[in-house]
Amino acid sequence: MGEPFPGGRVANGEMEMNAQATKLHAAENDLKQLMADVARAAEKAQEAVARITSKAATATTETESTTSSR
């Protein structure tokens, strides 16, 4: 960035750019965290569907064997 003004101050425009860059970085981090959360939620949902499907298949098999043995 530019040279600071005497006393270590920076130009107002430069401070604004730094603030925008900081906000952008924070937004990127928030987005990455949100994407990771969504990926974990999708994975858990897939696992739940697999468990439910497995239980439903087992229940169907048990019902069919009970019905056919009568």
N, C-alpha and C. Protein backbone atom coordinates (compact mmCIF):
# COMPACT_ATOMS: atom_id res chain seq x y z
N MET A 1 0.85 -1.17 0.00
CA MET A 1 0.00 0.00 0.00
C MET A 1 0.89 1.24 0.00
N GLY A 2 0.31 2.40 0.03
CA GLY A 2 1.05 3.66 -0.05
C GLY A 2 1.83 3.94 1.22
N GLU A 3 2.64 4.95 1.11
CA GLU A 3 3.43 5.39 2.27
C GLU A 3 2.53 6.06 3.29
N PRO A 4 2.75 5.78 4.56
CA PRO A 4 1.93 6.46 5.58
C PRO A 4 2.27 7.94 5.62
N PHE A 5 1.31 8.72 6.06
CA PHE A 5 1.55 10.15 6.29
C PHE A 5 2.40 10.29 7.53
N PRO A 6 2.99 11.47 7.73
CA PRO A 6 3.78 11.68 8.95
C PRO A 6 2.96 11.31 10.18
N GLY A 7 3.60 10.69 11.14
CA GLY A 7 2.90 10.27 12.35
C GLY A 7 2.29 8.88 12.22
N GLY A 8 2.56 8.19 11.10
CA GLY A 8 2.07 6.82 10.93
C GLY A 8 0.65 6.73 10.42
N ARG A 9 0.03 7.85 10.07
CA ARG A 9 -1.34 7.80 9.56
C ARG A 9 -1.32 7.39 8.09
N VAL A 10 -2.41 6.77 7.63
CA VAL A 10 -2.53 6.41 6.21
C VAL A 10 -3.66 7.23 5.61
N ALA A 11 -3.67 7.30 4.30
CA ALA A 11 -4.71 8.05 3.61
C ALA A 11 -6.07 7.44 3.89
N ASN A 12 -7.09 8.27 3.91
CA ASN A 12 -8.45 7.81 4.20
C ASN A 12 -8.88 6.73 3.20
N GLY A 13 -8.58 6.92 1.93
CA GLY A 13 -8.93 5.92 0.91
C GLY A 13 -8.27 4.59 1.18
N GLU A 14 -7.03 4.63 1.67
CA GLU A 14 -6.32 3.40 1.97
C GLU A 14 -6.95 2.69 3.16
N MET A 15 -7.38 3.45 4.16
CA MET A 15 -8.06 2.85 5.31
C MET A 15 -9.36 2.20 4.88
N GLU A 16 -10.06 2.86 3.96
CA GLU A 16 -11.30 2.30 3.44
C GLU A 16 -11.04 0.99 2.71
N MET A 17 -9.99 0.97 1.91
CA MET A 17 -9.64 -0.26 1.18
C MET A 17 -9.27 -1.37 2.15
N ASN A 18 -8.53 -1.02 3.20
CA ASN A 18 -8.18 -2.03 4.21
C ASN A 18 -9.43 -2.57 4.88
N ALA A 19 -10.37 -1.69 5.19
CA ALA A 19 -11.62 -2.11 5.83
C ALA A 19 -12.41 -3.02 4.90
N GLN A 20 -12.45 -2.67 3.62
CA GLN A 20 -13.17 -3.51 2.65
C GLN A 20 -12.48 -4.86 2.51
N ALA A 21 -11.16 -4.86 2.47
CA ALA A 21 -10.42 -6.12 2.35
C ALA A 21 -10.67 -7.00 3.58
N THR A 22 -10.71 -6.38 4.75
CA THR A 22 -10.98 -7.13 5.98
C THR A 22 -12.38 -7.72 5.95
N LYS A 23 -13.36 -6.91 5.51
CA LYS A 23 -14.73 -7.41 5.41
C LYS A 23 -14.83 -8.54 4.39
N LEU A 24 -14.14 -8.39 3.27
CA LEU A 24 -14.15 -9.43 2.24
C LEU A 24 -13.54 -10.71 2.77
N HIS A 25 -12.45 -10.60 3.48
CA HIS A 25 -11.79 -11.77 4.06
C HIS A 25 -12.71 -12.47 5.07
N ALA A 26 -13.38 -11.68 5.89
CA ALA A 26 -14.31 -12.25 6.87
C ALA A 26 -15.47 -12.94 6.16
N ALA A 27 -15.98 -12.32 5.08
CA ALA A 27 -17.07 -12.92 4.32
C ALA A 27 -16.63 -14.23 3.67
N GLU A 28 -15.41 -14.26 3.15
CA GLU A 28 -14.88 -15.49 2.56
C GLU A 28 -14.80 -16.60 3.60
N ASN A 29 -14.31 -16.25 4.79
CA ASN A 29 -14.21 -17.24 5.86
C ASN A 29 -15.59 -17.74 6.27
N ASP A 30 -16.55 -16.82 6.38
CA ASP A 30 -17.92 -17.20 6.72
C ASP A 30 -18.49 -18.15 5.66
N LEU A 31 -18.24 -17.83 4.39
CA LEU A 31 -18.75 -18.66 3.30
C LEU A 31 -18.12 -20.05 3.35
N LYS A 32 -16.81 -20.11 3.58
CA LYS A 32 -16.14 -21.41 3.68
C LYS A 32 -16.72 -22.24 4.82
N GLN A 33 -16.97 -21.59 5.96
CA GLN A 33 -17.54 -22.29 7.11
C GLN A 33 -18.95 -22.77 6.79
N LEU A 34 -19.73 -21.93 6.14
CA LEU A 34 -21.09 -22.32 5.76
C LEU A 34 -21.08 -23.49 4.79
N MET A 35 -20.17 -23.45 3.82
CA MET A 35 -20.08 -24.55 2.85
C MET A 35 -19.69 -25.86 3.55
N ALA A 36 -18.79 -25.77 4.51
CA ALA A 36 -18.39 -26.96 5.27
C ALA A 36 -19.57 -27.49 6.08
N ASP A 37 -20.33 -26.58 6.69
CA ASP A 37 -21.51 -26.99 7.46
C ASP A 37 -22.55 -27.66 6.56
N VAL A 38 -22.76 -27.11 5.38
CA VAL A 38 -23.72 -27.68 4.44
C VAL A 38 -23.25 -29.07 3.98
N ALA A 39 -21.96 -29.21 3.72
CA ALA A 39 -21.42 -30.51 3.30
C ALA A 39 -21.63 -31.55 4.40
N ARG A 40 -21.36 -31.16 5.66
CA ARG A 40 -21.57 -32.09 6.79
C ARG A 40 -23.04 -32.46 6.92
N ALA A 41 -23.92 -31.47 6.77
CA ALA A 41 -25.36 -31.73 6.88
C ALA A 41 -25.83 -32.67 5.76
N ALA A 42 -25.32 -32.47 4.56
CA ALA A 42 -25.69 -33.34 3.44
C ALA A 42 -25.21 -34.76 3.69
N GLU A 43 -24.01 -34.89 4.22
CA GLU A 43 -23.46 -36.21 4.53
C GLU A 43 -24.32 -36.92 5.59
N LYS A 44 -24.70 -36.18 6.63
CA LYS A 44 -25.55 -36.76 7.68
C LYS A 44 -26.91 -37.14 7.11
N ALA A 45 -27.45 -36.33 6.22
CA ALA A 45 -28.74 -36.64 5.60
C ALA A 45 -28.64 -37.92 4.76
N GLN A 46 -27.54 -38.08 4.03
CA GLN A 46 -27.35 -39.30 3.24
C GLN A 46 -27.26 -40.52 4.14
N GLU A 47 -26.55 -40.37 5.26
CA GLU A 47 -26.44 -41.49 6.20
C GLU A 47 -27.81 -41.84 6.78
N ALA A 48 -28.61 -40.82 7.10
CA ALA A 48 -29.95 -41.06 7.64
C ALA A 48 -30.83 -41.76 6.62
N VAL A 49 -30.76 -41.32 5.37
CA VAL A 49 -31.54 -41.96 4.31
C VAL A 49 -31.12 -43.41 4.15
N ALA A 50 -29.82 -43.67 4.21
CA ALA A 50 -29.33 -45.05 4.09
C ALA A 50 -29.86 -45.92 5.23
N ARG A 51 -29.85 -45.37 6.47
CA ARG A 51 -30.36 -46.13 7.61
C ARG A 51 -31.85 -46.41 7.45
N ILE A 52 -32.60 -45.38 7.06
CA ILE A 52 -34.05 -45.54 6.90
C ILE A 52 -34.35 -46.55 5.79
N THR A 53 -33.62 -46.44 4.69
CA THR A 53 -33.82 -47.36 3.57
C THR A 53 -33.52 -48.79 3.99
N SER A 54 -32.45 -48.96 4.76
CA SER A 54 -32.07 -50.28 5.24
C SER A 54 -33.14 -50.85 6.16
N LYS A 55 -33.64 -50.02 7.08
CA LYS A 55 -34.70 -50.47 7.99
C LYS A 55 -35.97 -50.82 7.22
N ALA A 56 -36.30 -50.01 6.23
CA ALA A 56 -37.51 -50.26 5.43
C ALA A 56 -37.36 -51.56 4.65
N ALA A 57 -36.19 -51.81 4.11
CA ALA A 57 -35.95 -53.05 3.37
C ALA A 57 -36.05 -54.26 4.30
N THR A 58 -35.50 -54.12 5.51
CA THR A 58 -35.58 -55.21 6.49
C THR A 58 -37.03 -55.45 6.90
N ALA A 59 -37.77 -54.39 7.13
CA ALA A 59 -39.18 -54.52 7.51
C ALA A 59 -39.98 -55.17 6.39
N THR A 60 -39.71 -54.79 5.15
CA THR A 60 -40.41 -55.38 4.01
C THR A 60 -40.10 -56.86 3.90
N THR A 61 -38.83 -57.23 4.08
CA THR A 61 -38.43 -58.64 4.01
C THR A 61 -39.10 -59.43 5.12
N GLU A 62 -39.15 -58.88 6.33
CA GLU A 62 -39.78 -59.57 7.45
C GLU A 62 -41.28 -59.72 7.20
N THR A 63 -41.91 -58.70 6.66
CA THR A 63 -43.36 -58.77 6.37
C THR A 63 -43.62 -59.83 5.31
N GLU A 64 -42.79 -59.86 4.28
CA GLU A 64 -42.99 -60.84 3.20
C GLU A 64 -42.78 -62.26 3.73
N SER A 65 -41.80 -62.49 4.58
CA SER A 65 -41.57 -63.84 5.09
C SER A 65 -42.67 -64.24 6.06
N THR A 66 -43.22 -63.32 6.81
CA THR A 66 -44.32 -63.61 7.73
C THR A 66 -45.58 -63.92 6.93
N THR A 67 -45.82 -63.17 5.88
CA THR A 67 -47.02 -63.36 5.05
C THR A 67 -46.93 -64.67 4.28
N SER A 68 -45.78 -65.03 3.76
CA SER A 68 -45.64 -66.23 2.95
C SER A 68 -45.62 -67.49 3.80
N SER A 69 -45.32 -67.38 5.09
CA SER A 69 -45.27 -68.59 5.93
C SER A 69 -46.65 -68.93 6.48
N ARG A 70 -47.64 -68.14 6.16
CA ARG A 70 -48.99 -68.45 6.67
C ARG A 70 -49.67 -69.47 5.85
